[in-house]
Amino acid sequence: MGTVVLRYFETPNGYVGDRLLTGSDEVAEMAKGQTLSCEILRDGTVALYARKKEWEEEDEQVELVVNGSGDKSPGAMLEKLIRRVNQMERPEGE
């Protein structure tokens, strides 16, 4: 199992700290090349953000999820987001 570092923000306070999540070695390796963060919105929705380290912040990809379990849980959706960003080329003109 590998470790994924996720910067954690809480509204309206801002940066809270880093969270360490465990995942497959494959996903943890992909995550090393990405900047990952999450934010808990006031309604309880979890916003997951990911971008390759060489991308600008405006190129960040986002996934909104409801805190829970199963294949739609924040952890499962973060893994999907990491995989999706890993396969992407840098967005152009957006």
PDB file of N, CA and C in Angstrom:
ATOM      1  N   MET A   1       0.823  -1.182   0.000  1.00  0.00           N
ATOM      2  CA  MET A   1       0.000   0.000   0.000  1.00  0.00           C
ATOM      3  C   MET A   1       0.871   1.250   0.000  1.00  0.00           C
ATOM      4  N   GLY A   2       0.434   2.251  -0.757  1.00  0.00           N
ATOM      5  CA  GLY A   2       1.149   3.513  -0.833  1.00  0.00           C
ATOM      6  C   GLY A   2       0.422   4.614  -0.083  1.00  0.00           C
ATOM      7  N   THR A   3       1.088   5.740   0.060  1.00  0.00           N
ATOM      8  CA  THR A   3       0.522   6.874   0.769  1.00  0.00           C
ATOM      9  C   THR A   3       0.305   8.041  -0.183  1.00  0.00           C
ATOM     10  N   VAL A   4      -0.862   8.670  -0.066  1.00  0.00           N
ATOM     11  CA  VAL A   4      -1.219   9.827  -0.867  1.00  0.00           C
ATOM     12  C   VAL A   4      -1.371  11.010   0.091  1.00  0.00           C
ATOM     13  N   VAL A   5      -0.725  12.128  -0.220  1.00  0.00           N
ATOM     14  CA  VAL A   5      -0.820  13.331   0.611  1.00  0.00           C
ATOM     15  C   VAL A   5      -1.857  14.262  -0.009  1.00  0.00           C
ATOM     16  N   LEU A   6      -2.823  14.652   0.813  1.00  0.00           N
ATOM     17  CA  LEU A   6      -3.927  15.491   0.371  1.00  0.00           C
ATOM     18  C   LEU A   6      -3.981  16.721   1.276  1.00  0.00           C
ATOM     19  N   ARG A   7      -3.847  17.911   0.694  1.00  0.00           N
ATOM     20  CA  ARG A   7      -3.964  19.152   1.487  1.00  0.00           C
ATOM     21  C   ARG A   7      -5.431  19.360   1.812  1.00  0.00           C
ATOM     22  N   TYR A   8      -5.725  19.664   3.052  1.00  0.00           N
ATOM     23  CA  TYR A   8      -7.095  19.744   3.534  1.00  0.00           C
ATOM     24  C   TYR A   8      -7.454  21.178   3.918  1.00  0.00           C
ATOM     25  N   PHE A   9      -8.543  21.686   3.335  1.00  0.00           N
ATOM     26  CA  PHE A   9      -9.036  23.028   3.622  1.00  0.00           C
ATOM     27  C   PHE A   9     -10.455  22.912   4.171  1.00  0.00           C
ATOM     28  N   GLU A  10     -10.796  23.805   5.054  1.00  0.00           N
ATOM     29  CA  GLU A  10     -12.137  23.819   5.623  1.00  0.00           C
ATOM     30  C   GLU A  10     -12.686  25.230   5.498  1.00  0.00           C
ATOM     31  N   THR A  11     -13.895  25.358   4.969  1.00  0.00           N
ATOM     32  CA  THR A  11     -14.511  26.672   4.826  1.00  0.00           C
ATOM     33  C   THR A  11     -15.084  27.104   6.162  1.00  0.00           C
ATOM     34  N   PRO A  12     -14.978  28.292   6.583  1.00  0.00           N
ATOM     35  CA  PRO A  12     -14.297  29.439   5.971  1.00  0.00           C
ATOM     36  C   PRO A  12     -12.885  29.634   6.501  1.00  0.00           C
ATOM     37  N   ASN A  13     -12.364  28.694   7.257  1.00  0.00           N
ATOM     38  CA  ASN A  13     -11.087  28.870   7.953  1.00  0.00           C
ATOM     39  C   ASN A  13      -9.855  28.751   7.070  1.00  0.00           C
ATOM     40  N   GLY A  14      -9.962  28.053   5.963  1.00  0.00           N
ATOM     41  CA  GLY A  14      -8.807  27.892   5.088  1.00  0.00           C
ATOM     42  C   GLY A  14      -8.034  26.618   5.397  1.00  0.00           C
ATOM     43  N   TYR A  15      -6.718  26.664   5.179  1.00  0.00           N
ATOM     44  CA  TYR A  15      -5.850  25.494   5.316  1.00  0.00           C
ATOM     45  C   TYR A  15      -5.886  24.937   6.739  1.00  0.00           C
ATOM     46  N   VAL A  16      -6.124  23.640   6.829  1.00  0.00           N
ATOM     47  CA  VAL A  16      -6.152  22.958   8.123  1.00  0.00           C
ATOM     48  C   VAL A  16      -4.907  22.100   8.300  1.00  0.00           C
ATOM     49  N   GLY A  17      -4.528  21.365   7.281  1.00  0.00           N
ATOM     50  CA  GLY A  17      -3.359  20.500   7.372  1.00  0.00           C
ATOM     51  C   GLY A  17      -3.361  19.479   6.256  1.00  0.00           C
ATOM     52  N   ASP A  18      -2.388  18.612   6.284  1.00  0.00           N
ATOM     53  CA  ASP A  18      -2.298  17.555   5.286  1.00  0.00           C
ATOM     54  C   ASP A  18      -2.914  16.283   5.843  1.00  0.00           C
ATOM     55  N   ARG A  19      -3.544  15.525   4.971  1.00  0.00           N
ATOM     56  CA  ARG A  19      -4.100  14.225   5.321  1.00  0.00           C
ATOM     57  C   ARG A  19      -3.323  13.173   4.541  1.00  0.00           C
ATOM     58  N   LEU A  20      -2.991  12.101   5.196  1.00  0.00           N
ATOM     59  CA  LEU A  20      -2.315  10.990   4.541  1.00  0.00           C
ATOM     60  C   LEU A  20      -3.333   9.882   4.336  1.00  0.00           C
ATOM     61  N   LEU A  21      -3.495   9.474   3.100  1.00  0.00           N
ATOM     62  CA  LEU A  21      -4.432   8.414   2.759  1.00  0.00           C
ATOM     63  C   LEU A  21      -3.651   7.239   2.199  1.00  0.00           C
ATOM     64  N   THR A  22      -4.121   6.054   2.445  1.00  0.00           N
ATOM     65  CA  THR A  22      -3.475   4.883   1.868  1.00  0.00           C
ATOM     66  C   THR A  22      -4.258   4.425   0.650  1.00  0.00           C
ATOM     67  N   GLY A  23      -3.527   3.981  -0.325  1.00  0.00           N
ATOM     68  CA  GLY A  23      -4.109   3.476  -1.557  1.00  0.00           C
ATOM     69  C   GLY A  23      -3.147   2.492  -2.180  1.00  0.00           C
ATOM     70  N   SER A  24      -3.493   2.079  -3.373  1.00  0.00           N
ATOM     71  CA  SER A  24      -2.603   1.141  -4.056  1.00  0.00           C
ATOM     72  C   SER A  24      -1.278   1.827  -4.369  1.00  0.00           C
ATOM     73  N   ASP A  25      -0.226   1.041  -4.514  1.00  0.00           N
ATOM     74  CA  ASP A  25       1.078   1.585  -4.869  1.00  0.00           C
ATOM     75  C   ASP A  25       1.006   2.334  -6.195  1.00  0.00           C
ATOM     76  N   GLU A  26       0.219   1.809  -7.128  1.00  0.00           N
ATOM     77  CA  GLU A  26       0.073   2.430  -8.447  1.00  0.00           C
ATOM     78  C   GLU A  26      -0.506   3.842  -8.331  1.00  0.00           C
ATOM     79  N   VAL A  27      -1.582   3.994  -7.569  1.00  0.00           N
ATOM     80  CA  VAL A  27      -2.217   5.307  -7.399  1.00  0.00           C
ATOM     81  C   VAL A  27      -1.307   6.244  -6.617  1.00  0.00           C
ATOM     82  N   ALA A  28      -0.637   5.741  -5.594  1.00  0.00           N
ATOM     83  CA  ALA A  28       0.285   6.563  -4.813  1.00  0.00           C
ATOM     84  C   ALA A  28       1.416   7.087  -5.688  1.00  0.00           C
ATOM     85  N   GLU A  29       1.902   6.286  -6.617  1.00  0.00           N
ATOM     86  CA  GLU A  29       2.962   6.721  -7.523  1.00  0.00           C
ATOM     87  C   GLU A  29       2.449   7.816  -8.464  1.00  0.00           C
ATOM     88  N   MET A  30       1.225   7.660  -8.993  1.00  0.00           N
ATOM     89  CA  MET A  30       0.626   8.689  -9.849  1.00  0.00           C
ATOM     90  C   MET A  30       0.468   9.994  -9.067  1.00  0.00           C
ATOM     91  N   ALA A  31       0.051   9.891  -7.810  1.00  0.00           N
ATOM     92  CA  ALA A  31      -0.220  11.057  -6.974  1.00  0.00           C
ATOM     93  C   ALA A  31       1.043  11.873  -6.707  1.00  0.00           C
ATOM     94  N   LYS A  32       2.209  11.249  -6.753  1.00  0.00           N
ATOM     95  CA  LYS A  32       3.458  11.972  -6.515  1.00  0.00           C
ATOM     96  C   LYS A  32       3.670  13.082  -7.545  1.00  0.00           C
ATOM     97  N   GLY A  33       3.133  12.914  -8.727  1.00  0.00           N
ATOM     98  CA  GLY A  33       3.269  13.914  -9.782  1.00  0.00           C
ATOM     99  C   GLY A  33       2.128  14.918  -9.810  1.00  0.00           C
ATOM    100  N   GLN A  34       1.294  14.896  -8.785  1.00  0.00           N
ATOM    101  CA  GLN A  34       0.124  15.764  -8.761  1.00  0.00           C
ATOM    102  C   GLN A  34       0.065  16.585  -7.480  1.00  0.00           C
ATOM    103  N   THR A  35      -0.653  17.688  -7.554  1.00  0.00           N
ATOM    104  CA  THR A  35      -0.991  18.489  -6.391  1.00  0.00           C
ATOM    105  C   THR A  35      -2.442  18.160  -6.066  1.00  0.00           C
ATOM    106  N   LEU A  36      -2.678  17.666  -4.863  1.00  0.00           N
ATOM    107  CA  LEU A  36      -4.009  17.204  -4.460  1.00  0.00           C
ATOM    108  C   LEU A  36      -4.488  17.983  -3.248  1.00  0.00           C
ATOM    109  N   SER A  37      -5.757  18.332  -3.246  1.00  0.00           N
ATOM    110  CA  SER A  37      -6.333  18.994  -2.081  1.00  0.00           C
ATOM    111  C   SER A  37      -7.817  18.690  -2.016  1.00  0.00           C
ATOM    112  N   CYS A  38      -8.386  18.988  -0.868  1.00  0.00           N
ATOM    113  CA  CYS A  38      -9.826  18.839  -0.714  1.00  0.00           C
ATOM    114  C   CYS A  38     -10.344  19.956   0.168  1.00  0.00           C
ATOM    115  N   GLU A  39     -11.627  20.215   0.024  1.00  0.00           N
ATOM    116  CA  GLU A  39     -12.276  21.261   0.791  1.00  0.00           C
ATOM    117  C   GLU A  39     -13.641  20.739   1.205  1.00  0.00           C
ATOM    118  N   ILE A  40     -13.980  20.921   2.453  1.00  0.00           N
ATOM    119  CA  ILE A  40     -15.302  20.550   2.927  1.00  0.00           C
ATOM    120  C   ILE A  40     -16.151  21.814   2.856  1.00  0.00           C
ATOM    121  N   LEU A  41     -17.164  21.784   2.015  1.00  0.00           N
ATOM    122  CA  LEU A  41     -18.019  22.944   1.840  1.00  0.00           C
ATOM    123  C   LEU A  41     -19.045  23.015   2.962  1.00  0.00           C
ATOM    124  N   ARG A  42     -19.668  24.144   3.110  1.00  0.00           N
ATOM    125  CA  ARG A  42     -20.600  24.352   4.225  1.00  0.00           C
ATOM    126  C   ARG A  42     -21.768  23.378   4.236  1.00  0.00           C
ATOM    127  N   ASP A  43     -22.165  22.891   3.070  1.00  0.00           N
ATOM    128  CA  ASP A  43     -23.279  21.936   3.026  1.00  0.00           C
ATOM    129  C   ASP A  43     -22.826  20.492   3.232  1.00  0.00           C
ATOM    130  N   GLY A  44     -21.531  20.291   3.514  1.00  0.00           N
ATOM    131  CA  GLY A  44     -20.999  18.961   3.757  1.00  0.00           C
ATOM    132  C   GLY A  44     -20.433  18.274   2.530  1.00  0.00           C
ATOM    133  N   THR A  45     -20.607  18.864   1.359  1.00  0.00           N
ATOM    134  CA  THR A  45     -20.044  18.308   0.134  1.00  0.00           C
ATOM    135  C   THR A  45     -18.522  18.378   0.210  1.00  0.00           C
ATOM    136  N   VAL A  46     -17.875  17.354  -0.308  1.00  0.00           N
ATOM    137  CA  VAL A  46     -16.414  17.326  -0.362  1.00  0.00           C
ATOM    138  C   VAL A  46     -15.994  17.674  -1.794  1.00  0.00           C
ATOM    139  N   ALA A  47     -15.193  18.719  -1.930  1.00  0.00           N
ATOM    140  CA  ALA A  47     -14.639  19.105  -3.223  1.00  0.00           C
ATOM    141  C   ALA A  47     -13.209  18.575  -3.279  1.00  0.00           C
ATOM    142  N   LEU A  48     -12.937  17.718  -4.252  1.00  0.00           N
ATOM    143  CA  LEU A  48     -11.604  17.144  -4.454  1.00  0.00           C
ATOM    144  C   LEU A  48     -10.961  17.845  -5.643  1.00  0.00           C
ATOM    145  N   TYR A  49      -9.716  18.260  -5.483  1.00  0.00           N
ATOM    146  CA  TYR A  49      -8.994  18.973  -6.532  1.00  0.00           C
ATOM    147  C   TYR A  49      -7.703  18.223  -6.862  1.00  0.00           C
ATOM    148  N   ALA A  50      -7.383  18.179  -8.161  1.00  0.00           N
ATOM    149  CA  ALA A  50      -6.131  17.533  -8.581  1.00  0.00           C
ATOM    150  C   ALA A  50      -5.622  18.201  -9.849  1.00  0.00           C
ATOM    151  N   ARG A  51      -4.310  18.320  -9.915  1.00  0.00           N
ATOM    152  CA  ARG A  51      -3.653  18.809 -11.128  1.00  0.00           C
ATOM    153  C   ARG A  51      -2.228  18.279 -11.137  1.00  0.00           C
ATOM    154  N   LYS A  52      -1.684  18.146 -12.319  1.00  0.00           N
ATOM    155  CA  LYS A  52      -0.284  17.769 -12.405  1.00  0.00           C
ATOM    156  C   LYS A  52       0.545  18.933 -11.874  1.00  0.00           C
ATOM    157  N   LYS A  53       1.660  18.623 -11.247  1.00  0.00           N
ATOM    158  CA  LYS A  53       2.472  19.648 -10.595  1.00  0.00           C
ATOM    159  C   LYS A  53       2.932  20.747 -11.547  1.00  0.00           C
ATOM    160  N   GLU A  54       3.116  20.420 -12.813  1.00  0.00           N
ATOM    161  CA  GLU A  54       3.589  21.431 -13.758  1.00  0.00           C
ATOM    162  C   GLU A  54       2.451  22.282 -14.329  1.00  0.00           C
ATOM    163  N   TRP A  55       1.215  21.957 -14.020  1.00  0.00           N
ATOM    164  CA  TRP A  55       0.059  22.721 -14.488  1.00  0.00           C
ATOM    165  C   TRP A  55      -0.144  23.955 -13.626  1.00  0.00           C
ATOM    166  N   GLU A  56      -0.834  24.927 -14.199  1.00  0.00           N
ATOM    167  CA  GLU A  56      -1.250  26.108 -13.454  1.00  0.00           C
ATOM    168  C   GLU A  56      -2.464  25.749 -12.593  1.00  0.00           C
ATOM    169  N   GLU A  57      -2.706  26.530 -11.568  1.00  0.00           N
ATOM    170  CA  GLU A  57      -3.832  26.272 -10.672  1.00  0.00           C
ATOM    171  C   GLU A  57      -5.170  26.302 -11.422  1.00  0.00           C
ATOM    172  N   GLU A  58      -5.273  27.146 -12.435  1.00  0.00           N
ATOM    173  CA  GLU A  58      -6.526  27.237 -13.189  1.00  0.00           C
ATOM    174  C   GLU A  58      -6.818  25.980 -14.018  1.00  0.00           C
ATOM    175  N   ASP A  59      -5.822  25.115 -14.187  1.00  0.00           N
ATOM    176  CA  ASP A  59      -6.006  23.857 -14.917  1.00  0.00           C
ATOM    177  C   ASP A  59      -6.489  22.726 -14.003  1.00  0.00           C
ATOM    178  N   GLU A  60      -6.647  23.031 -12.726  1.00  0.00           N
ATOM    179  CA  GLU A  60      -7.050  22.039 -11.738  1.00  0.00           C
ATOM    180  C   GLU A  60      -8.381  21.388 -12.114  1.00  0.00           C
ATOM    181  N   GLN A  61      -8.464  20.108 -11.880  1.00  0.00           N
ATOM    182  CA  GLN A  61      -9.690  19.343 -12.108  1.00  0.00           C
ATOM    183  C   GLN A  61     -10.398  19.166 -10.768  1.00  0.00           C
ATOM    184  N   VAL A  62     -11.719  19.135 -10.780  1.00  0.00           N
ATOM    185  CA  VAL A  62     -12.475  19.049  -9.533  1.00  0.00           C
ATOM    186  C   VAL A  62     -13.531  17.959  -9.623  1.00  0.00           C
ATOM    187  N   GLU A  63     -13.790  17.364  -8.497  1.00  0.00           N
ATOM    188  CA  GLU A  63     -14.823  16.332  -8.352  1.00  0.00           C
ATOM    189  C   GLU A  63     -15.581  16.669  -7.070  1.00  0.00           C
ATOM    190  N   LEU A  64     -16.901  16.800  -7.153  1.00  0.00           N
ATOM    191  CA  LEU A  64     -17.729  17.064  -5.974  1.00  0.00           C
ATOM    192  C   LEU A  64     -18.380  15.761  -5.540  1.00  0.00           C
ATOM    193  N   VAL A  65     -18.233  15.421  -4.266  1.00  0.00           N
ATOM    194  CA  VAL A  65     -18.786  14.161  -3.763  1.00  0.00           C
ATOM    195  C   VAL A  65     -19.444  14.379  -2.404  1.00  0.00           C
ATOM    196  N   VAL A  66     -20.357  13.476  -2.081  1.00  0.00           N
ATOM    197  CA  VAL A  66     -21.005  13.495  -0.784  1.00  0.00           C
ATOM    198  C   VAL A  66     -20.227  12.567   0.133  1.00  0.00           C
ATOM    199  N   ASN A  67     -19.977  13.015   1.347  1.00  0.00           N
ATOM    200  CA  ASN A  67     -19.237  12.205   2.298  1.00  0.00           C
ATOM    201  C   ASN A  67     -20.025  10.938   2.606  1.00  0.00           C
ATOM    202  N   GLY A  68     -19.433   9.795   2.391  1.00  0.00           N
ATOM    203  CA  GLY A  68     -20.097   8.520   2.615  1.00  0.00           C
ATOM    204  C   GLY A  68     -19.141   7.382   2.329  1.00  0.00           C
ATOM    205  N   SER A  69     -19.700   6.238   2.008  1.00  0.00           N
ATOM    206  CA  SER A  69     -18.872   5.061   1.750  1.00  0.00           C
ATOM    207  C   SER A  69     -19.212   4.469   0.386  1.00  0.00           C
ATOM    208  N   GLY A  70     -18.465   3.439   0.029  1.00  0.00           N
ATOM    209  CA  GLY A  70     -18.713   2.758  -1.229  1.00  0.00           C
ATOM    210  C   GLY A  70     -17.938   3.345  -2.388  1.00  0.00           C
ATOM    211  N   ASP A  71     -18.392   3.026  -3.616  1.00  0.00           N
ATOM    212  CA  ASP A  71     -17.648   3.441  -4.805  1.00  0.00           C
ATOM    213  C   ASP A  71     -17.821   4.919  -5.136  1.00  0.00           C
ATOM    214  N   LYS A  72     -18.691   5.619  -4.419  1.00  0.00           N
ATOM    215  CA  LYS A  72     -18.843   7.066  -4.581  1.00  0.00           C
ATOM    216  C   LYS A  72     -18.274   7.836  -3.392  1.00  0.00           C
ATOM    217  N   SER A  73     -17.567   7.156  -2.512  1.00  0.00           N
ATOM    218  CA  SER A  73     -16.971   7.792  -1.335  1.00  0.00           C
ATOM    219  C   SER A  73     -15.864   8.747  -1.766  1.00  0.00           C
ATOM    220  N   PRO A  74     -15.508   9.720  -0.921  1.00  0.00           N
ATOM    221  CA  PRO A  74     -14.413  10.610  -1.284  1.00  0.00           C
ATOM    222  C   PRO A  74     -13.116   9.871  -1.621  1.00  0.00           C
ATOM    223  N   GLY A  75     -12.790   8.826  -0.886  1.00  0.00           N
ATOM    224  CA  GLY A  75     -11.565   8.075  -1.172  1.00  0.00           C
ATOM    225  C   GLY A  75     -11.592   7.409  -2.531  1.00  0.00           C
ATOM    226  N   ALA A  76     -12.726   6.783  -2.866  1.00  0.00           N
ATOM    227  CA  ALA A  76     -12.861   6.125  -4.165  1.00  0.00           C
ATOM    228  C   ALA A  76     -12.860   7.144  -5.303  1.00  0.00           C
ATOM    229  N   MET A  77     -13.520   8.261  -5.084  1.00  0.00           N
ATOM    230  CA  MET A  77     -13.575   9.295  -6.117  1.00  0.00           C
ATOM    231  C   MET A  77     -12.220   9.990  -6.275  1.00  0.00           C
ATOM    232  N   LEU A  78     -11.463  10.119  -5.187  1.00  0.00           N
ATOM    233  CA  LEU A  78     -10.115  10.684  -5.286  1.00  0.00           C
ATOM    234  C   LEU A  78      -9.238   9.788  -6.144  1.00  0.00           C
ATOM    235  N   GLU A  79      -9.344   8.488  -5.949  1.00  0.00           N
ATOM    236  CA  GLU A  79      -8.561   7.557  -6.773  1.00  0.00           C
ATOM    237  C   GLU A  79      -8.919   7.719  -8.243  1.00  0.00           C
ATOM    238  N   LYS A  80     -10.205   7.827  -8.554  1.00  0.00           N
ATOM    239  CA  LYS A  80     -10.633   8.015  -9.949  1.00  0.00           C
ATOM    240  C   LYS A  80     -10.101   9.334 -10.506  1.00  0.00           C
ATOM    241  N   LEU A  81     -10.132  10.388  -9.675  1.00  0.00           N
ATOM    242  CA  LEU A  81      -9.636  11.687 -10.107  1.00  0.00           C
ATOM    243  C   LEU A  81      -8.133  11.643 -10.375  1.00  0.00           C
ATOM    244  N   ILE A  82      -7.383  11.001  -9.508  1.00  0.00           N
ATOM    245  CA  ILE A  82      -5.937  10.855  -9.702  1.00  0.00           C
ATOM    246  C   ILE A  82      -5.650  10.121 -11.013  1.00  0.00           C
ATOM    247  N   ARG A  83      -6.364   9.046 -11.255  1.00  0.00           N
ATOM    248  CA  ARG A  83      -6.174   8.289 -12.499  1.00  0.00           C
ATOM    249  C   ARG A  83      -6.526   9.134 -13.731  1.00  0.00           C
ATOM    250  N   ARG A  84      -7.638   9.882 -13.645  1.00  0.00           N
ATOM    251  CA  ARG A  84      -8.076  10.718 -14.775  1.00  0.00           C
ATOM    252  C   ARG A  84      -7.039  11.792 -15.079  1.00  0.00           C
ATOM    253  N   VAL A  85      -6.571  12.499 -14.059  1.00  0.00           N
ATOM    254  CA  VAL A  85      -5.585  13.560 -14.264  1.00  0.00           C
ATOM    255  C   VAL A  85      -4.283  12.979 -14.798  1.00  0.00           C
ATOM    256  N   ASN A  86      -3.886  11.818 -14.323  1.00  0.00           N
ATOM    257  CA  ASN A  86      -2.658  11.180 -14.783  1.00  0.00           C
ATOM    258  C   ASN A  86      -2.686  10.937 -16.293  1.00  0.00           C
ATOM    259  N   GLN A  87      -3.860  10.659 -16.843  1.00  0.00           N
ATOM    260  CA  GLN A  87      -3.976  10.360 -18.270  1.00  0.00           C
ATOM    261  C   GLN A  87      -4.151  11.607 -19.135  1.00  0.00           C
ATOM    262  N   MET A  88      -4.397  12.750 -18.508  1.00  0.00           N
ATOM    263  CA  MET A  88      -4.692  13.970 -19.255  1.00  0.00           C
ATOM    264  C   MET A  88      -3.434  14.670 -19.738  1.00  0.00           C
ATOM    265  N   GLU A  89      -3.600  15.356 -20.857  1.00  0.00           N
ATOM    266  CA  GLU A  89      -2.610  16.316 -21.305  1.00  0.00           C
ATOM    267  C   GLU A  89      -2.987  17.643 -20.660  1.00  0.00           C
ATOM    268  N   ARG A  90      -2.090  18.575 -20.632  1.00  0.00           N
ATOM    269  CA  ARG A  90      -2.388  19.891 -20.058  1.00  0.00           C
ATOM    270  C   ARG A  90      -3.545  20.538 -20.820  1.00  0.00           C
ATOM    271  N   PRO A  91      -4.599  20.966 -20.100  1.00  0.00           N
ATOM    272  CA  PRO A  91      -5.708  21.649 -20.769  1.00  0.00           C
ATOM    273  C   PRO A  91      -5.207  22.919 -21.468  1.00  0.00           C
ATOM    274  N   GLU A  92      -5.697  23.159 -22.679  1.00  0.00           N
ATOM    275  CA  GLU A  92      -5.268  24.336 -23.418  1.00  0.00           C
ATOM    276  C   GLU A  92      -6.440  25.254 -23.681  1.00  0.00           C
ATOM    277  N   GLY A  93      -6.214  26.544 -23.522  1.00  0.00           N
ATOM    278  CA  GLY A  93      -7.207  27.535 -23.879  1.00  0.00           C
ATOM    279  C   GLY A  93      -8.445  27.558 -23.014  1.00  0.00           C
ATOM    280  N   GLU A  94      -8.380  26.975 -21.849  1.00  0.00           N
ATOM    281  CA  GLU A  94      -9.557  26.983 -20.978  1.00  0.00           C
ATOM    282  C   GLU A  94      -9.404  28.042 -19.918  1.00  0.00           C
TER     283      GLU A  94
END
